[in-house]
Amino acid sequence: MTNVLQVEAVSRSFGDRQVLKDVSFTVRAGRMTGFVGANGAGKTTTMRIMLGVLAADAGEVTWQGTKLTRELRQRFGYMPEERGLYPKMTIVDQIVYLGRLHGMSADAARRSTTDLLERLNLGERAGEQVEKLSLGNQQRVQIAAALVHDPEVLVLDEPFSGLDPLAVDVVLGVLRERAAAGAPVLFSSHQLDVVERLCDDLVIIADGTIRANGSRQELRSSYALPRFALEVDTDAGWLRDEAGVTLIDLDGPRAVFDLAPGTDDQDILRAALARGPVRSFGAVTPSLAEIFREVNQ
């Protein structure tokens, strides 16, 4: 059985309000899977069920084909959205302690902690109390806590919250290393630009149901519109008079436009070439933000 984390037909209600409805998706080994949705869509509830913090009303979560147990979950790295740090403890003592809780020896936990804090640019602050750190640095400590025991699977709820762009890049580098080593990595984020830059696969949830699920390229292809971008040497306003063309944006020689069904993009290219040099022409790939808006309509 390949190293996959599988969520299968999971449902959950709180009282008479159903918050998850037959949620199913796969987090594959060695790949970064972005889990996105609006506030209240069901991301955190799903992650809590995966880690055993909440029980599902129906469905199950499996790892390598085996239903998750407490022992299997011990091999996971989990970062909750709410910080769970001890404010009076020093960074190094806290991370070592959490490593010991996962069964590491004191020496192994200290070596792993030292390496992680250096990678996360916290090495010089290892002896400081957590409460004296900025929120962004506390977030990095929380990430170190999820990684210290070299987990086989990573489930991270909003790991980039509160991080400045440089800190985001540092954390991305660490997570990419874990994925490259073969760990399935699932992370949620409201920062769609970060998700787009990082994820291999994408799961979009809305109103407790999965609305889109697949590799980044598959989703871009599935939700691609017949939209094109053109840049010429002269004004591209002539596109207004072309049959089947709907202009989306026009800025002198640059234009973005949609084509009606049955309209050949090569006809538009030939019309442009007949008027002079064409600097660029091609299909426009939808961004993650555009796909997210479409599936949430």
C-alpha atoms as a PDB file:
ATOM      1  CA  MET A   1       0.000   0.000   0.000  1.00  0.00           C
ATOM      2  CA  THR A   2       1.402   3.387  -0.964  1.00  0.00           C
ATOM      3  CA  ASN A   3       1.902   6.037   1.681  1.00  0.00           C
ATOM      4  CA  VAL A   4      -1.375   7.901   1.329  1.00  0.00           C
ATOM      5  CA  LEU A   5      -3.616   9.534   3.871  1.00  0.00           C
ATOM      6  CA  GLN A   6      -7.201   8.895   2.808  1.00  0.00           C
ATOM      7  CA  VAL A   7     -10.319  10.723   4.010  1.00  0.00           C
ATOM      8  CA  GLU A   8     -13.323   8.623   3.011  1.00  0.00           C
ATOM      9  CA  ALA A   9     -16.954   9.832   3.110  1.00  0.00           C
ATOM     10  CA  VAL A  10     -16.528  11.683   6.403  1.00  0.00           C
ATOM     11  CA  SER A  11     -19.584  13.461   7.805  1.00  0.00           C
ATOM     12  CA  ARG A  12     -20.015  15.397  11.022  1.00  0.00           C
ATOM     13  CA  SER A  13     -22.818  17.378  12.641  1.00  0.00           C
ATOM     14  CA  PHE A  14     -22.994  19.634  15.668  1.00  0.00           C
ATOM     15  CA  GLY A  15     -26.536  19.361  16.935  1.00  0.00           C
ATOM     16  CA  ASP A  16     -28.854  19.841  13.966  1.00  0.00           C
ATOM     17  CA  ARG A  17     -26.169  21.594  11.883  1.00  0.00           C
ATOM     18  CA  GLN A  18     -24.253  19.365   9.469  1.00  0.00           C
ATOM     19  CA  VAL A  19     -20.767  20.793   8.960  1.00  0.00           C
ATOM     20  CA  LEU A  20     -19.211  17.990   6.870  1.00  0.00           C
ATOM     21  CA  LYS A  21     -21.053  15.997   4.201  1.00  0.00           C
ATOM     22  CA  ASP A  22     -19.349  12.941   2.675  1.00  0.00           C
ATOM     23  CA  VAL A  23     -15.918  14.582   2.585  1.00  0.00           C
ATOM     24  CA  SER A  24     -13.413  12.479   0.627  1.00  0.00           C
ATOM     25  CA  PHE A  25      -9.899  13.240  -0.608  1.00  0.00           C
ATOM     26  CA  THR A  26      -6.385  11.810  -0.651  1.00  0.00           C
ATOM     27  CA  VAL A  27      -3.097  13.268   0.552  1.00  0.00           C
ATOM     28  CA  ARG A  28      -0.333  11.542  -1.381  1.00  0.00           C
ATOM     29  CA  ALA A  29       3.201  10.750  -0.308  1.00  0.00           C
ATOM     30  CA  GLY A  30       5.817  13.333  -1.153  1.00  0.00           C
ATOM     31  CA  ARG A  31       3.275  15.927  -2.218  1.00  0.00           C
ATOM     32  CA  MET A  32       2.074  19.193  -0.737  1.00  0.00           C
ATOM     33  CA  THR A  33      -1.715  19.326  -0.630  1.00  0.00           C
ATOM     34  CA  GLY A  34      -3.383  22.677  -0.058  1.00  0.00           C
ATOM     35  CA  PHE A  35      -6.734  22.586   1.747  1.00  0.00           C
ATOM     36  CA  VAL A  36      -8.660  25.807   1.194  1.00  0.00           C
ATOM     37  CA  GLY A  37     -12.107  27.148   1.913  1.00  0.00           C
ATOM     38  CA  ALA A  38     -13.872  30.159   3.341  1.00  0.00           C
ATOM     39  CA  ASN A  39     -14.298  30.618   7.088  1.00  0.00           C
ATOM     40  CA  GLY A  40     -16.678  27.975   8.379  1.00  0.00           C
ATOM     41  CA  ALA A  41     -16.277  25.760   5.307  1.00  0.00           C
ATOM     42  CA  GLY A  42     -15.154  22.742   7.374  1.00  0.00           C
ATOM     43  CA  LYS A  43     -11.349  22.740   7.100  1.00  0.00           C
ATOM     44  CA  THR A  44     -10.530  22.721  10.802  1.00  0.00           C
ATOM     45  CA  THR A  45     -13.262  20.200  11.633  1.00  0.00           C
ATOM     46  CA  THR A  46     -11.890  17.859   8.976  1.00  0.00           C
ATOM     47  CA  MET A  47      -8.345  18.190  10.306  1.00  0.00           C
ATOM     48  CA  ARG A  48      -9.466  17.581  13.877  1.00  0.00           C
ATOM     49  CA  ILE A  49     -11.218  14.399  12.792  1.00  0.00           C
ATOM     50  CA  MET A  50      -8.068  13.280  10.973  1.00  0.00           C
ATOM     51  CA  LEU A  51      -6.084  13.700  14.196  1.00  0.00           C
ATOM     52  CA  GLY A  52      -8.685  12.131  16.461  1.00  0.00           C
ATOM     53  CA  VAL A  53      -9.526  15.371  18.268  1.00  0.00           C
ATOM     54  CA  LEU A  54     -13.106  14.966  17.041  1.00  0.00           C
ATOM     55  CA  ALA A  55     -14.981  11.830  16.050  1.00  0.00           C
ATOM     56  CA  ALA A  56     -16.728  11.509  12.691  1.00  0.00           C
ATOM     57  CA  ASP A  57     -20.417  10.677  12.567  1.00  0.00           C
ATOM     58  CA  ALA A  58     -19.753   8.594   9.459  1.00  0.00           C
ATOM     59  CA  GLY A  59     -16.815   7.673   7.244  1.00  0.00           C
ATOM     60  CA  GLU A  60     -13.209   7.059   8.224  1.00  0.00           C
ATOM     61  CA  VAL A  61      -9.632   8.224   7.823  1.00  0.00           C
ATOM     62  CA  THR A  62      -6.932   5.723   6.853  1.00  0.00           C
ATOM     63  CA  TRP A  63      -3.143   5.783   6.605  1.00  0.00           C
ATOM     64  CA  GLN A  64      -1.499   3.243   4.285  1.00  0.00           C
ATOM     65  CA  GLY A  65      -4.875   1.508   4.071  1.00  0.00           C
ATOM     66  CA  THR A  66      -5.225   1.103   7.840  1.00  0.00           C
ATOM     67  CA  LYS A  67      -7.861   2.875   9.920  1.00  0.00           C
ATOM     68  CA  LEU A  68      -6.183   5.393  12.168  1.00  0.00           C
ATOM     69  CA  THR A  69      -5.458   4.457  15.758  1.00  0.00           C
ATOM     70  CA  ARG A  70      -3.885   6.451  18.564  1.00  0.00           C
ATOM     71  CA  GLU A  71      -0.576   4.702  17.894  1.00  0.00           C
ATOM     72  CA  LEU A  72      -0.634   5.604  14.207  1.00  0.00           C
ATOM     73  CA  ARG A  73      -1.517   9.207  14.974  1.00  0.00           C
ATOM     74  CA  GLN A  74       1.568   9.387  17.206  1.00  0.00           C
ATOM     75  CA  ARG A  75       3.561   9.257  13.969  1.00  0.00           C
ATOM     76  CA  PHE A  76       1.778  12.327  12.616  1.00  0.00           C
ATOM     77  CA  GLY A  77       2.835  15.926  12.984  1.00  0.00           C
ATOM     78  CA  TYR A  78      -0.127  18.182  13.751  1.00  0.00           C
ATOM     79  CA  MET A  79      -0.222  21.932  14.050  1.00  0.00           C
ATOM     80  CA  PRO A  80      -3.577  23.314  15.252  1.00  0.00           C
ATOM     81  CA  GLU A  81      -4.735  26.774  14.256  1.00  0.00           C
ATOM     82  CA  GLU A  82      -4.858  27.791  17.923  1.00  0.00           C
ATOM     83  CA  ARG A  83      -1.420  27.940  19.515  1.00  0.00           C
ATOM     84  CA  GLY A  84      -0.833  25.342  22.210  1.00  0.00           C
ATOM     85  CA  LEU A  85       2.492  26.532  23.616  1.00  0.00           C
ATOM     86  CA  TYR A  86       3.572  26.894  27.232  1.00  0.00           C
ATOM     87  CA  PRO A  87       4.355  30.624  27.521  1.00  0.00           C
ATOM     88  CA  LYS A  88       6.748  30.385  30.487  1.00  0.00           C
ATOM     89  CA  MET A  89       8.937  27.608  29.058  1.00  0.00           C
ATOM     90  CA  THR A  90      11.971  28.344  26.932  1.00  0.00           C
ATOM     91  CA  ILE A  91      11.726  27.463  23.263  1.00  0.00           C
ATOM     92  CA  VAL A  92      14.327  24.700  23.423  1.00  0.00           C
ATOM     93  CA  ASP A  93      12.930  23.068  26.569  1.00  0.00           C
ATOM     94  CA  GLN A  94       9.432  23.129  25.124  1.00  0.00           C
ATOM     95  CA  ILE A  95      10.301  21.512  21.809  1.00  0.00           C
ATOM     96  CA  VAL A  96      12.511  18.891  23.489  1.00  0.00           C
ATOM     97  CA  TYR A  97       9.681  18.109  25.895  1.00  0.00           C
ATOM     98  CA  LEU A  98       7.201  17.653  23.062  1.00  0.00           C
ATOM     99  CA  GLY A  99       9.672  15.408  21.245  1.00  0.00           C
ATOM    100  CA  ARG A 100       9.957  13.251  24.377  1.00  0.00           C
ATOM    101  CA  LEU A 101       6.165  12.930  24.463  1.00  0.00           C
ATOM    102  CA  HIS A 102       6.414  11.359  21.013  1.00  0.00           C
ATOM    103  CA  GLY A 103       8.815   8.744  22.368  1.00  0.00           C
ATOM    104  CA  MET A 104      12.144  10.318  21.425  1.00  0.00           C
ATOM    105  CA  SER A 105      15.179   9.991  23.651  1.00  0.00           C
ATOM    106  CA  ALA A 106      16.415  13.182  25.313  1.00  0.00           C
ATOM    107  CA  ASP A 107      19.492  13.315  23.066  1.00  0.00           C
ATOM    108  CA  ALA A 108      17.517  12.696  19.874  1.00  0.00           C
ATOM    109  CA  ALA A 109      14.898  15.293  20.827  1.00  0.00           C
ATOM    110  CA  ARG A 110      17.594  17.869  21.573  1.00  0.00           C
ATOM    111  CA  ARG A 111      19.432  17.222  18.294  1.00  0.00           C
ATOM    112  CA  SER A 112      16.223  17.506  16.293  1.00  0.00           C
ATOM    113  CA  THR A 113      15.205  20.650  18.175  1.00  0.00           C
ATOM    114  CA  THR A 114      18.564  22.328  17.581  1.00  0.00           C
ATOM    115  CA  ASP A 115      18.432  21.534  13.869  1.00  0.00           C
ATOM    116  CA  LEU A 116      14.848  22.745  13.462  1.00  0.00           C
ATOM    117  CA  LEU A 117      15.393  25.990  15.321  1.00  0.00           C
ATOM    118  CA  GLU A 118      18.404  26.748  13.136  1.00  0.00           C
ATOM    119  CA  ARG A 119      16.404  25.983   9.994  1.00  0.00           C
ATOM    120  CA  LEU A 120      13.569  28.226  11.198  1.00  0.00           C
ATOM    121  CA  ASN A 121      15.967  31.070  12.082  1.00  0.00           C
ATOM    122  CA  LEU A 122      15.284  30.750  15.810  1.00  0.00           C
ATOM    123  CA  GLY A 123      18.603  29.265  16.904  1.00  0.00           C
ATOM    124  CA  GLU A 124      19.819  32.401  18.640  1.00  0.00           C
ATOM    125  CA  ARG A 125      16.573  32.673  20.604  1.00  0.00           C
ATOM    126  CA  ALA A 126      16.379  29.056  21.762  1.00  0.00           C
ATOM    127  CA  GLY A 127      16.811  30.007  25.423  1.00  0.00           C
ATOM    128  CA  GLU A 128      14.059  32.638  25.460  1.00  0.00           C
ATOM    129  CA  GLN A 129      10.611  32.136  26.923  1.00  0.00           C
ATOM    130  CA  VAL A 130       7.871  31.691  24.350  1.00  0.00           C
ATOM    131  CA  GLU A 131       5.803  34.582  25.763  1.00  0.00           C
ATOM    132  CA  LYS A 132       8.608  37.009  24.903  1.00  0.00           C
ATOM    133  CA  LEU A 133       8.448  36.190  21.198  1.00  0.00           C
ATOM    134  CA  SER A 134       6.451  37.991  18.535  1.00  0.00           C
ATOM    135  CA  LEU A 135       3.367  36.204  17.221  1.00  0.00           C
ATOM    136  CA  GLY A 136       5.238  35.327  14.023  1.00  0.00           C
ATOM    137  CA  ASN A 137       8.102  33.737  15.951  1.00  0.00           C
ATOM    138  CA  GLN A 138       5.641  31.864  18.160  1.00  0.00           C
ATOM    139  CA  GLN A 139       4.152  30.496  14.959  1.00  0.00           C
ATOM    140  CA  ARG A 140       7.566  29.180  13.937  1.00  0.00           C
ATOM    141  CA  VAL A 141       7.952  27.518  17.332  1.00  0.00           C
ATOM    142  CA  GLN A 142       4.564  25.860  16.799  1.00  0.00           C
ATOM    143  CA  ILE A 143       5.795  24.548  13.449  1.00  0.00           C
ATOM    144  CA  ALA A 144       8.944  23.184  15.109  1.00  0.00           C
ATOM    145  CA  ALA A 145       6.709  21.408  17.638  1.00  0.00           C
ATOM    146  CA  ALA A 146       4.871  19.653  14.800  1.00  0.00           C
ATOM    147  CA  LEU A 147       8.121  18.563  13.124  1.00  0.00           C
ATOM    148  CA  VAL A 148      10.437  17.659  16.003  1.00  0.00           C
ATOM    149  CA  HIS A 149       9.692  13.904  16.017  1.00  0.00           C
ATOM    150  CA  ASP A 150      10.279  13.527  12.256  1.00  0.00           C
ATOM    151  CA  PRO A 151       6.639  12.665  11.524  1.00  0.00           C
ATOM    152  CA  GLU A 152       5.551  10.409   8.684  1.00  0.00           C
ATOM    153  CA  VAL A 153       2.581  12.684   7.882  1.00  0.00           C
ATOM    154  CA  LEU A 154       2.094  16.422   8.390  1.00  0.00           C
ATOM    155  CA  VAL A 155      -1.306  18.050   8.980  1.00  0.00           C
ATOM    156  CA  LEU A 156      -0.943  21.805   9.461  1.00  0.00           C
ATOM    157  CA  ASP A 157      -3.844  24.191  10.093  1.00  0.00           C
ATOM    158  CA  GLU A 158      -2.951  27.729   8.925  1.00  0.00           C
ATOM    159  CA  PRO A 159       0.844  27.324   9.309  1.00  0.00           C
ATOM    160  CA  PHE A 160       1.582  30.669   7.610  1.00  0.00           C
ATOM    161  CA  SER A 161      -0.708  32.800   9.760  1.00  0.00           C
ATOM    162  CA  GLY A 162       1.118  35.810  11.176  1.00  0.00           C
ATOM    163  CA  LEU A 163       4.317  35.218   9.201  1.00  0.00           C
ATOM    164  CA  ASP A 164       5.982  37.961   7.184  1.00  0.00           C
ATOM    165  CA  PRO A 165       7.016  37.139   3.581  1.00  0.00           C
ATOM    166  CA  LEU A 166      10.591  36.216   4.554  1.00  0.00           C
ATOM    167  CA  ALA A 167       9.380  33.905   7.327  1.00  0.00           C
ATOM    168  CA  VAL A 168       6.903  32.305   4.905  1.00  0.00           C
ATOM    169  CA  ASP A 169       9.790  31.459   2.582  1.00  0.00           C
ATOM    170  CA  VAL A 170      11.744  29.909   5.455  1.00  0.00           C
ATOM    171  CA  VAL A 171       8.804  27.731   6.491  1.00  0.00           C
ATOM    172  CA  LEU A 172       8.107  26.769   2.863  1.00  0.00           C
ATOM    173  CA  GLY A 173      11.672  25.539   2.536  1.00  0.00           C
ATOM    174  CA  VAL A 174      11.335  23.311   5.608  1.00  0.00           C
ATOM    175  CA  LEU A 175       8.006  21.873   4.466  1.00  0.00           C
ATOM    176  CA  ARG A 176       9.301  21.204   0.966  1.00  0.00           C
ATOM    177  CA  GLU A 177      12.174  19.229   2.478  1.00  0.00           C
ATOM    178  CA  ARG A 178       9.711  17.062   4.392  1.00  0.00           C
ATOM    179  CA  ALA A 179       7.647  16.423   1.276  1.00  0.00           C
ATOM    180  CA  ALA A 180      10.775  15.640  -0.745  1.00  0.00           C
ATOM    181  CA  ALA A 181      11.678  13.049   1.902  1.00  0.00           C
ATOM    182  CA  GLY A 182       8.358  11.287   1.197  1.00  0.00           C
ATOM    183  CA  ALA A 183       5.934  12.664   3.786  1.00  0.00           C
ATOM    184  CA  PRO A 184       2.381  13.539   2.731  1.00  0.00           C
ATOM    185  CA  VAL A 185       1.802  17.168   3.738  1.00  0.00           C
ATOM    186  CA  LEU A 186      -1.675  18.673   4.148  1.00  0.00           C
ATOM    187  CA  PHE A 187      -1.944  22.347   5.024  1.00  0.00           C
ATOM    188  CA  SER A 188      -4.756  24.860   5.132  1.00  0.00           C
ATOM    189  CA  SER A 189      -4.299  28.537   4.425  1.00  0.00           C
ATOM    190  CA  HIS A 190      -6.259  31.667   3.595  1.00  0.00           C
ATOM    191  CA  GLN A 191      -3.222  33.000   1.711  1.00  0.00           C
ATOM    192  CA  LEU A 192      -4.106  31.774  -1.765  1.00  0.00           C
ATOM    193  CA  ASP A 193      -0.906  33.150  -3.290  1.00  0.00           C
ATOM    194  CA  VAL A 194       1.133  30.986  -0.910  1.00  0.00           C
ATOM    195  CA  VAL A 195      -1.028  27.932  -1.636  1.00  0.00           C
ATOM    196  CA  GLU A 196      -0.655  28.474  -5.367  1.00  0.00           C
ATOM    197  CA  ARG A 197       3.119  28.764  -5.037  1.00  0.00           C
ATOM    198  CA  LEU A 198       3.507  25.723  -2.811  1.00  0.00           C
ATOM    199  CA  CYS A 199       0.891  23.067  -3.424  1.00  0.00           C
ATOM    200  CA  ASP A 200       1.135  20.098  -5.771  1.00  0.00           C
ATOM    201  CA  ASP A 201      -2.470  19.109  -5.147  1.00  0.00           C
ATOM    202  CA  LEU A 202      -5.461  21.153  -4.090  1.00  0.00           C
ATOM    203  CA  VAL A 203      -8.686  20.425  -2.197  1.00  0.00           C
ATOM    204  CA  ILE A 204     -11.369  23.133  -2.095  1.00  0.00           C
ATOM    205  CA  ILE A 205     -14.163  22.769   0.464  1.00  0.00           C
ATOM    206  CA  ALA A 206     -17.318  24.885   0.714  1.00  0.00           C
ATOM    207  CA  ASP A 207     -20.331  24.423   2.996  1.00  0.00           C
ATOM    208  CA  GLY A 208     -18.903  21.133   4.252  1.00  0.00           C
ATOM    209  CA  THR A 209     -18.569  19.501   0.827  1.00  0.00           C
ATOM    210  CA  ILE A 210     -15.598  19.040  -1.482  1.00  0.00           C
ATOM    211  CA  ARG A 211     -16.120  21.269  -4.515  1.00  0.00           C
ATOM    212  CA  ALA A 212     -12.800  20.679  -6.317  1.00  0.00           C
ATOM    213  CA  ASN A 213     -10.009  18.167  -5.837  1.00  0.00           C
ATOM    214  CA  GLY A 214      -6.958  17.306  -7.927  1.00  0.00           C
ATOM    215  CA  SER A 215      -3.493  18.348  -8.950  1.00  0.00           C
ATOM    216  CA  ARG A 216      -2.875  22.041  -9.478  1.00  0.00           C
ATOM    217  CA  GLN A 217      -2.497  21.525 -13.226  1.00  0.00           C
ATOM    218  CA  GLU A 218      -5.619  19.342 -13.476  1.00  0.00           C
ATOM    219  CA  LEU A 219      -7.732  21.978 -11.781  1.00  0.00           C
ATOM    220  CA  ARG A 220      -6.320  24.776 -13.906  1.00  0.00           C
ATOM    221  CA  SER A 221      -7.154  22.773 -17.021  1.00  0.00           C
ATOM    222  CA  SER A 222     -10.638  21.835 -15.775  1.00  0.00           C
ATOM    223  CA  TYR A 223     -11.590  25.397 -14.901  1.00  0.00           C
ATOM    224  CA  ALA A 224      -9.793  27.108 -17.769  1.00  0.00           C
ATOM    225  CA  LEU A 225     -11.938  29.541 -19.715  1.00  0.00           C
ATOM    226  CA  PRO A 226     -11.532  30.173 -23.464  1.00  0.00           C
ATOM    227  CA  ARG A 227      -9.522  33.253 -22.448  1.00  0.00           C
ATOM    228  CA  PHE A 228      -6.497  34.621 -24.268  1.00  0.00           C
ATOM    229  CA  ALA A 229      -3.936  37.380 -23.889  1.00  0.00           C
ATOM    230  CA  LEU A 230      -2.509  39.296 -26.846  1.00  0.00           C
ATOM    231  CA  GLU A 231       0.225  41.905 -27.115  1.00  0.00           C
ATOM    232  CA  VAL A 232       0.911  43.716 -30.376  1.00  0.00           C
ATOM    233  CA  ASP A 233       2.904  46.797 -31.405  1.00  0.00           C
ATOM    234  CA  THR A 234      -0.117  48.982 -32.069  1.00  0.00           C
ATOM    235  CA  ASP A 235      -3.439  49.548 -30.341  1.00  0.00           C
ATOM    236  CA  ALA A 236      -5.407  46.292 -29.962  1.00  0.00           C
ATOM    237  CA  GLY A 237      -8.809  48.010 -29.957  1.00  0.00           C
ATOM    238  CA  TRP A 238      -9.661  46.375 -33.276  1.00  0.00           C
ATOM    239  CA  LEU A 239     -10.521  43.248 -31.276  1.00  0.00           C
ATOM    240  CA  ARG A 240     -13.860  44.868 -30.397  1.00  0.00           C
ATOM    241  CA  ASP A 241     -14.990  44.318 -33.967  1.00  0.00           C
ATOM    242  CA  GLU A 242     -13.896  40.679 -34.233  1.00  0.00           C
ATOM    243  CA  ALA A 243     -16.719  38.117 -34.282  1.00  0.00           C
ATOM    244  CA  GLY A 244     -16.796  35.865 -31.216  1.00  0.00           C
ATOM    245  CA  VAL A 245     -14.489  38.113 -29.151  1.00  0.00           C
ATOM    246  CA  THR A 246     -15.473  39.554 -25.774  1.00  0.00           C
ATOM    247  CA  LEU A 247     -12.889  41.974 -24.434  1.00  0.00           C
ATOM    248  CA  ILE A 248     -12.073  41.573 -20.757  1.00  0.00           C
ATOM    249  CA  ASP A 249      -9.253  44.092 -20.503  1.00  0.00           C
ATOM    250  CA  LEU A 250      -7.654  46.472 -22.980  1.00  0.00           C
ATOM    251  CA  ASP A 251      -4.560  48.583 -22.327  1.00  0.00           C
ATOM    252  CA  GLY A 252      -3.271  49.947 -25.608  1.00  0.00           C
ATOM    253  CA  PRO A 253      -1.306  47.142 -27.290  1.00  0.00           C
ATOM    254  CA  ARG A 254      -2.248  44.576 -24.610  1.00  0.00           C
ATOM    255  CA  ALA A 255      -5.606  42.838 -24.444  1.00  0.00           C
ATOM    256  CA  VAL A 256      -7.293  39.991 -22.587  1.00  0.00           C
ATOM    257  CA  PHE A 257     -10.396  38.513 -24.177  1.00  0.00           C
ATOM    258  CA  ASP A 258     -12.763  35.544 -24.181  1.00  0.00           C
ATOM    259  CA  LEU A 259     -13.757  33.580 -27.262  1.00  0.00           C
ATOM    260  CA  ALA A 260     -17.258  32.337 -27.973  1.00  0.00           C
ATOM    261  CA  PRO A 261     -17.705  28.581 -28.596  1.00  0.00           C
ATOM    262  CA  GLY A 262     -16.704  27.707 -32.134  1.00  0.00           C
ATOM    263  CA  THR A 263     -14.358  30.675 -32.534  1.00  0.00           C
ATOM    264  CA  ASP A 264     -10.861  29.616 -33.602  1.00  0.00           C
ATOM    265  CA  ASP A 265      -8.105  31.357 -31.672  1.00  0.00           C
ATOM    266  CA  GLN A 266      -5.853  30.967 -34.714  1.00  0.00           C
ATOM    267  CA  ASP A 267      -8.213  33.192 -36.695  1.00  0.00           C
ATOM    268  CA  ILE A 268      -7.628  35.919 -34.118  1.00  0.00           C
ATOM    269  CA  LEU A 269      -3.874  35.399 -34.298  1.00  0.00           C
ATOM    270  CA  ARG A 270      -3.942  35.673 -38.106  1.00  0.00           C
ATOM    271  CA  ALA A 271      -5.983  38.875 -37.863  1.00  0.00           C
ATOM    272  CA  ALA A 272      -3.403  40.303 -35.483  1.00  0.00           C
ATOM    273  CA  LEU A 273      -0.470  39.310 -37.692  1.00  0.00           C
ATOM    274  CA  ALA A 274      -2.173  40.966 -40.656  1.00  0.00           C
ATOM    275  CA  ARG A 275      -1.957  44.244 -38.731  1.00  0.00           C
ATOM    276  CA  GLY A 276       1.698  43.963 -37.731  1.00  0.00           C
ATOM    277  CA  PRO A 277       4.079  42.181 -35.336  1.00  0.00           C
ATOM    278  CA  VAL A 278       2.639  40.087 -32.493  1.00  0.00           C
ATOM    279  CA  ARG A 279       4.739  40.192 -29.328  1.00  0.00           C
ATOM    280  CA  SER A 280       2.835  37.514 -27.425  1.00  0.00           C
ATOM    281  CA  PHE A 281      -0.309  35.448 -27.769  1.00  0.00           C
ATOM    282  CA  GLY A 282      -1.609  32.558 -25.703  1.00  0.00           C
ATOM    283  CA  ALA A 283      -4.251  31.054 -23.450  1.00  0.00           C
ATOM    284  CA  VAL A 284      -4.655  32.519 -19.974  1.00  0.00           C
ATOM    285  CA  THR A 285      -4.414  29.935 -17.172  1.00  0.00           C
ATOM    286  CA  PRO A 286      -6.817  30.639 -14.297  1.00  0.00           C
ATOM    287  CA  SER A 287      -5.259  31.436 -10.950  1.00  0.00           C
ATOM    288  CA  LEU A 288      -6.150  29.577  -7.781  1.00  0.00           C
ATOM    289  CA  ALA A 289      -8.039  32.658  -6.597  1.00  0.00           C
ATOM    290  CA  GLU A 290     -10.180  32.600  -9.760  1.00  0.00           C
ATOM    291  CA  ILE A 291     -10.892  28.871  -9.382  1.00  0.00           C
ATOM    292  CA  PHE A 292     -11.721  29.401  -5.700  1.00  0.00           C
ATOM    293  CA  ARG A 293     -14.212  32.152  -6.548  1.00  0.00           C
ATOM    294  CA  GLU A 294     -15.840  30.028  -9.247  1.00  0.00           C
ATOM    295  CA  VAL A 295     -16.414  26.953  -7.064  1.00  0.00           C
ATOM    296  CA  ASN A 296     -17.762  29.130  -4.251  1.00  0.00           C
ATOM    297  CA  GLN A 297     -20.385  30.868  -6.388  1.00  0.00           C
END
